[in-house]
Amino acid sequence: MPCGARAVPPSARGGSVVTGLFVSIDGPGGVGKSTVTALVAEELRAAGAAVLATREPSDTALGRLARNGTDDYRGLTMACLIAADRHADMPDLAVILNARAEVLDKRLTSRGAHSRYERAPGGPARECAAFREAARFLMAAGVRVVQCDASTDSPQDVARRVLAAVRDIGMRGSP
């Protein structure tokens, strides 16, 4: 489930302030989205940026229904619940975290699966493939994409890459 943050970085060397930057952090279950989002938000706040970190589905009543209904709702019903809970903005920066399926299997076994997608045999491999396709789609749509391999990169390494990309966008302006 995607996590995201909107950051307003402080002015870089007297330059203009970015008044809103939408960064999405997406990937399969167990890849580290929540951990990376927390690290990035903490670092941006420490640098003086106003950050709103969210997750999808959200913590609203509709979001909780979608999040807790993965065993009950399927197909179009689930898609409509998720769509009704989210905003359809394209991000200024899309971070796609991925990992080898066996790494995700191990993490999900350790922490516990949150949904039928994570419990399904072969689910992590299917999710990894879907997020590789999502990265291609976003790049074709003109979105700046940072892809990270959470099999080998630590959450801190991923956060540093995200922060570098956010700072680069802040200095150049949104794409």
Protein backbone atom coordinates (compact mmCIF):
# COMPACT_ATOMS: atom_id res chain seq x y z
CA MET A 1 0.00 0.00 0.00
CA PRO A 2 1.47 3.33 -0.92
CA CYS A 3 2.74 5.84 1.53
CA GLY A 4 3.37 9.41 0.58
CA ALA A 5 4.52 12.72 1.81
CA ARG A 6 4.04 16.31 0.83
CA ALA A 7 7.08 18.38 1.70
CA VAL A 8 7.76 22.07 1.58
CA PRO A 9 11.58 22.29 1.67
CA PRO A 10 13.25 25.44 2.95
CA SER A 11 14.67 27.81 0.38
CA ALA A 12 17.97 26.54 -1.04
CA ARG A 13 20.63 29.26 -0.94
CA GLY A 14 18.13 32.06 -1.22
CA GLY A 15 16.24 30.43 -4.11
CA SER A 16 12.50 30.14 -4.32
CA VAL A 17 10.63 27.86 -1.96
CA VAL A 18 8.83 24.84 -3.39
CA THR A 19 5.27 25.29 -2.15
CA GLY A 20 4.27 21.67 -2.41
CA LEU A 21 5.95 18.49 -3.49
CA PHE A 22 4.06 15.22 -3.73
CA VAL A 23 6.32 12.21 -3.18
CA SER A 24 4.83 8.73 -3.32
CA ILE A 25 6.62 5.73 -1.86
CA ASP A 26 5.18 2.51 -3.22
CA GLY A 27 6.02 -1.16 -3.33
CA PRO A 28 4.89 -4.63 -2.39
CA GLY A 29 4.01 -5.67 1.15
CA GLY A 30 7.02 -6.06 3.43
CA VAL A 31 9.36 -3.93 1.29
CA GLY A 32 9.77 -1.15 3.86
CA LYS A 33 7.47 1.66 2.72
CA SER A 34 6.43 2.75 6.21
CA THR A 35 10.01 2.66 7.50
CA VAL A 36 11.39 4.68 4.58
CA THR A 37 8.51 7.17 4.74
CA ALA A 38 9.16 7.76 8.45
CA LEU A 39 12.91 8.26 7.85
CA VAL A 40 12.34 10.69 4.98
CA ALA A 41 9.67 12.66 6.86
CA GLU A 42 11.88 12.88 9.96
CA GLU A 43 14.86 14.17 7.96
CA LEU A 44 12.77 16.72 6.05
CA ARG A 45 11.20 18.00 9.27
CA ALA A 46 14.65 18.29 10.85
CA ALA A 47 15.65 20.43 7.85
CA GLY A 48 12.69 22.74 8.48
CA ALA A 49 10.24 21.39 5.91
CA ALA A 50 6.54 21.04 6.62
CA VAL A 51 5.67 17.40 5.91
CA LEU A 52 2.35 15.60 5.74
CA ALA A 53 2.94 11.85 5.69
CA THR A 54 -0.03 9.70 4.73
CA ARG A 55 -0.85 6.15 3.72
CA GLU A 56 -3.37 4.50 1.44
CA PRO A 57 -5.85 3.31 2.20
CA SER A 58 -6.07 6.17 4.68
CA ASP A 59 -7.08 6.07 8.32
CA THR A 60 -10.55 7.44 7.52
CA ALA A 61 -13.59 5.20 8.00
CA LEU A 62 -13.62 4.44 4.26
CA GLY A 63 -9.90 3.72 4.27
CA ARG A 64 -10.21 1.36 7.24
CA LEU A 65 -13.06 -0.43 5.47
CA ALA A 66 -10.85 -0.97 2.42
CA ARG A 67 -7.77 -1.92 4.47
CA ASN A 68 -9.67 -4.40 6.65
CA GLY A 69 -11.81 -5.71 3.80
CA THR A 70 -9.14 -7.36 1.66
CA ASP A 71 -10.53 -10.79 2.54
CA ASP A 72 -14.16 -9.76 1.93
CA TYR A 73 -14.08 -7.48 -1.11
CA ARG A 74 -12.71 -8.32 -4.53
CA GLY A 75 -12.39 -6.95 -8.04
CA LEU A 76 -14.38 -3.85 -8.88
CA THR A 77 -15.73 -3.49 -5.33
CA MET A 78 -12.23 -3.31 -3.85
CA ALA A 79 -11.00 -1.05 -6.65
CA CYS A 80 -13.88 1.36 -6.03
CA LEU A 81 -13.23 1.43 -2.27
CA ILE A 82 -9.55 2.22 -2.83
CA ALA A 83 -10.32 4.80 -5.53
CA ALA A 84 -12.91 6.54 -3.35
CA ASP A 85 -10.37 6.80 -0.53
CA ARG A 86 -7.55 8.38 -2.52
CA HIS A 87 -6.75 11.49 -4.46
CA ALA A 88 -5.80 10.89 -8.08
CA ASP A 89 -2.82 13.27 -8.18
CA MET A 90 0.26 12.17 -10.07
CA PRO A 91 3.31 12.53 -7.83
CA ASP A 92 6.17 14.92 -8.48
CA LEU A 93 8.46 12.06 -7.47
CA ALA A 94 7.51 8.38 -7.39
CA VAL A 95 9.71 6.10 -5.35
CA ILE A 96 9.24 2.44 -6.21
CA LEU A 97 10.70 0.07 -3.64
CA ASN A 98 11.09 -3.51 -4.74
CA ALA A 99 12.90 -6.59 -3.49
CA ARG A 100 13.50 -10.17 -4.46
CA ALA A 101 10.39 -12.26 -3.79
CA GLU A 102 12.23 -14.58 -1.37
CA VAL A 103 13.30 -11.56 0.71
CA LEU A 104 9.69 -10.35 0.90
CA ASP A 105 8.46 -13.86 1.76
CA LYS A 106 10.89 -13.93 4.70
CA ARG A 107 9.88 -10.45 5.91
CA LEU A 108 6.17 -11.23 5.63
CA THR A 109 6.64 -14.48 7.54
CA SER A 110 8.50 -12.56 10.25
CA ARG A 111 6.10 -9.60 10.62
CA GLY A 112 2.88 -11.28 9.52
CA ALA A 113 0.87 -10.71 6.36
CA HIS A 114 -1.61 -7.81 6.41
CA SER A 115 -3.82 -8.88 3.51
CA ARG A 116 -4.80 -11.73 1.24
CA TYR A 117 -2.37 -10.33 -1.34
CA GLU A 118 0.50 -10.92 1.04
CA ARG A 119 -0.79 -14.35 2.14
CA ALA A 120 -1.35 -15.69 -1.38
CA PRO A 121 1.21 -18.20 -2.67
CA GLY A 122 3.41 -16.33 -5.14
CA GLY A 123 1.91 -13.00 -4.04
CA PRO A 124 5.22 -11.21 -3.47
CA ALA A 125 6.51 -12.21 -6.92
CA ARG A 126 3.29 -10.95 -8.56
CA GLU A 127 3.44 -7.70 -6.59
CA CYS A 128 7.09 -7.15 -7.55
CA ALA A 129 6.21 -7.57 -11.22
CA ALA A 130 3.25 -5.19 -10.85
CA PHE A 131 5.44 -2.49 -9.29
CA ARG A 132 8.07 -2.85 -12.03
CA GLU A 133 5.24 -2.25 -14.52
CA ALA A 134 3.98 0.70 -12.45
CA ALA A 135 7.45 2.27 -12.63
CA ARG A 136 7.45 1.93 -16.43
CA PHE A 137 3.96 3.47 -16.63
CA LEU A 138 4.90 6.43 -14.43
CA MET A 139 8.10 7.10 -16.37
CA ALA A 140 6.16 6.99 -19.65
CA ALA A 141 3.73 9.53 -18.12
CA GLY A 142 6.64 11.88 -17.43
CA VAL A 143 6.87 11.32 -13.68
CA ARG A 144 10.33 11.31 -12.14
CA VAL A 145 10.84 7.80 -10.72
CA VAL A 146 13.47 6.54 -8.29
CA GLN A 147 13.65 2.75 -8.10
CA CYS A 148 15.32 1.09 -5.11
CA ASP A 149 16.12 -2.53 -4.37
CA ALA A 150 15.23 -3.12 -0.73
CA SER A 151 16.81 -6.58 -0.96
CA THR A 152 20.24 -4.95 -0.86
CA ASP A 153 19.68 -1.29 0.12
CA SER A 154 19.05 -0.50 3.80
CA PRO A 155 16.09 1.73 4.70
CA GLN A 156 18.61 4.47 5.52
CA ASP A 157 20.24 4.13 2.07
CA VAL A 158 16.83 4.30 0.38
CA ALA A 159 15.89 7.36 2.47
CA ARG A 160 19.13 9.09 1.44
CA ARG A 161 18.33 8.47 -2.25
CA VAL A 162 14.80 9.83 -1.80
CA LEU A 163 16.08 12.91 0.04
CA ALA A 164 18.65 13.59 -2.69
CA ALA A 165 15.90 13.42 -5.32
CA VAL A 166 13.60 15.69 -3.26
CA ARG A 167 16.39 18.23 -2.85
CA ASP A 168 17.19 18.06 -6.56
CA ILE A 169 13.55 18.71 -7.47
CA GLY A 170 13.38 21.52 -4.90
CA MET A 171 16.41 23.22 -6.42
CA ARG A 172 15.18 22.81 -10.04
CA GLY A 173 11.49 23.20 -9.38
CA SER A 174 8.85 20.55 -9.86
CA PRO A 175 9.07 18.59 -13.16
